[in-house]
Protein backbone atom coordinates (compact mmCIF):
# COMPACT_ATOMS: atom_id res chain seq x y z
CA UNK A 1 -29.63 -53.62 -54.12
CA UNK A 2 -31.67 -53.02 -51.00
CA UNK A 3 -34.37 -50.36 -51.24
CA UNK A 4 -34.04 -47.64 -48.62
CA UNK A 5 -36.42 -44.74 -48.09
CA UNK A 6 -36.10 -41.36 -46.46
CA UNK A 7 -38.89 -38.99 -45.52
CA UNK A 8 -38.70 -35.26 -44.81
CA UNK A 9 -40.55 -32.05 -45.61
CA UNK A 10 -43.68 -33.75 -46.99
CA UNK A 11 -42.01 -35.82 -49.68
CA UNK A 12 -40.51 -39.28 -49.82
CA UNK A 13 -37.41 -40.60 -51.55
CA UNK A 14 -36.90 -44.22 -52.58
CA UNK A 15 -33.51 -45.61 -53.54
CA UNK A 16 -32.85 -48.49 -55.94
CA UNK A 17 -31.57 -49.59 -59.33
CA UNK A 18 -33.59 -49.29 -62.51
CA UNK A 19 -34.76 -52.62 -63.87
CA UNK A 20 -36.57 -51.43 -66.98
CA UNK A 21 -38.23 -48.41 -68.60
CA UNK A 22 -41.57 -48.45 -70.40
CA UNK A 23 -42.71 -45.67 -72.73
CA UNK A 24 -46.40 -45.88 -73.56
CA UNK A 25 -49.88 -45.33 -72.16
CA UNK A 26 -49.29 -41.54 -72.25
CA UNK A 27 -46.43 -41.79 -69.74
CA UNK A 28 -42.95 -43.14 -69.09
CA UNK A 29 -42.80 -45.86 -66.42
CA UNK A 30 -39.59 -46.39 -64.44
CA UNK A 31 -39.40 -49.77 -62.68
CA UNK A 32 -36.96 -50.27 -59.80
CA UNK A 33 -35.46 -53.73 -59.18
CA UNK A 34 -37.34 -55.56 -56.45
CA UNK A 35 -39.47 -52.52 -55.75
CA UNK A 36 -42.19 -50.34 -57.20
CA UNK A 37 -42.49 -48.13 -60.23
CA UNK A 38 -42.86 -44.42 -60.91
CA UNK A 39 -45.11 -43.01 -63.60
CA UNK A 40 -43.77 -39.89 -65.31
CA UNK A 41 -46.64 -38.31 -67.29
CA UNK A 42 -46.07 -36.79 -70.72
CA UNK A 43 -46.94 -33.39 -69.26
CA UNK A 44 -44.18 -33.57 -66.61
CA UNK A 45 -42.02 -30.50 -67.31
CA UNK A 46 -38.67 -32.33 -67.10
CA UNK A 47 -39.76 -35.65 -68.60
CA UNK A 48 -37.05 -35.75 -71.29
CA UNK A 49 -34.32 -35.10 -68.71
CA UNK A 50 -35.77 -37.80 -66.43
CA UNK A 51 -35.84 -40.31 -69.29
CA UNK A 52 -32.22 -39.48 -70.22
CA UNK A 53 -31.18 -39.83 -66.58
CA UNK A 54 -33.05 -43.14 -66.21
CA UNK A 55 -31.50 -44.57 -69.38
CA UNK A 56 -28.01 -43.48 -68.29
CA UNK A 57 -28.50 -45.09 -64.87
CA UNK A 58 -29.84 -48.31 -66.44
CA UNK A 59 -27.03 -48.68 -68.98
CA UNK A 60 -24.29 -47.87 -66.44
CA UNK A 61 -25.78 -49.88 -63.54
CA UNK A 62 -25.99 -46.75 -61.38
CA UNK A 63 -28.43 -46.39 -58.52
CA UNK A 64 -31.12 -43.72 -58.40
CA UNK A 65 -33.21 -41.95 -55.80
CA UNK A 66 -36.79 -41.32 -56.90
CA UNK A 67 -38.65 -38.51 -55.14
CA UNK A 68 -42.41 -38.62 -54.70
CA UNK A 69 -44.61 -35.69 -53.67
CA UNK A 70 -46.48 -37.62 -50.97
CA UNK A 71 -45.06 -38.20 -47.52
CA UNK A 72 -44.82 -41.71 -46.04
CA UNK A 73 -44.84 -43.52 -49.41
CA UNK A 74 -44.43 -47.29 -49.56
CA UNK A 75 -41.43 -47.62 -51.89
CA UNK A 76 -42.76 -50.97 -53.13
CA UNK A 77 -45.94 -49.44 -54.58
CA UNK A 78 -46.47 -49.94 -58.31
CA UNK A 79 -47.58 -47.13 -60.62
CA UNK A 80 -46.97 -44.18 -58.27
CA UNK A 81 -48.53 -41.11 -59.89
CA UNK A 82 -46.91 -38.45 -57.69
CA UNK A 83 -43.39 -38.52 -59.21
CA UNK A 84 -41.48 -35.32 -58.38
CA UNK A 85 -37.92 -36.00 -59.59
CA UNK A 86 -34.92 -38.31 -59.63
CA UNK A 87 -31.23 -38.29 -58.67
CA UNK A 88 -28.60 -40.57 -60.17
CA UNK A 89 -26.06 -41.88 -57.65
């Protein structure tokens, strides 16, 4: 799947498919196929919902849109620490 990004209102959204999920190092890492990764810290208020959504998308081969707090993010960046949320497509 091709990675597409959209920017508006001081945040950035990156689209892709989840390749793998890592839980460790005091965070959950979500890796997108052929693209970067988002770091969801343990203290993120909706972390359990994000993990459930990521696992559902991975198992069902569904795309996701990951939202980052920063504007003008390079969607290929690894270990982004400004994760804001995620949609499942």
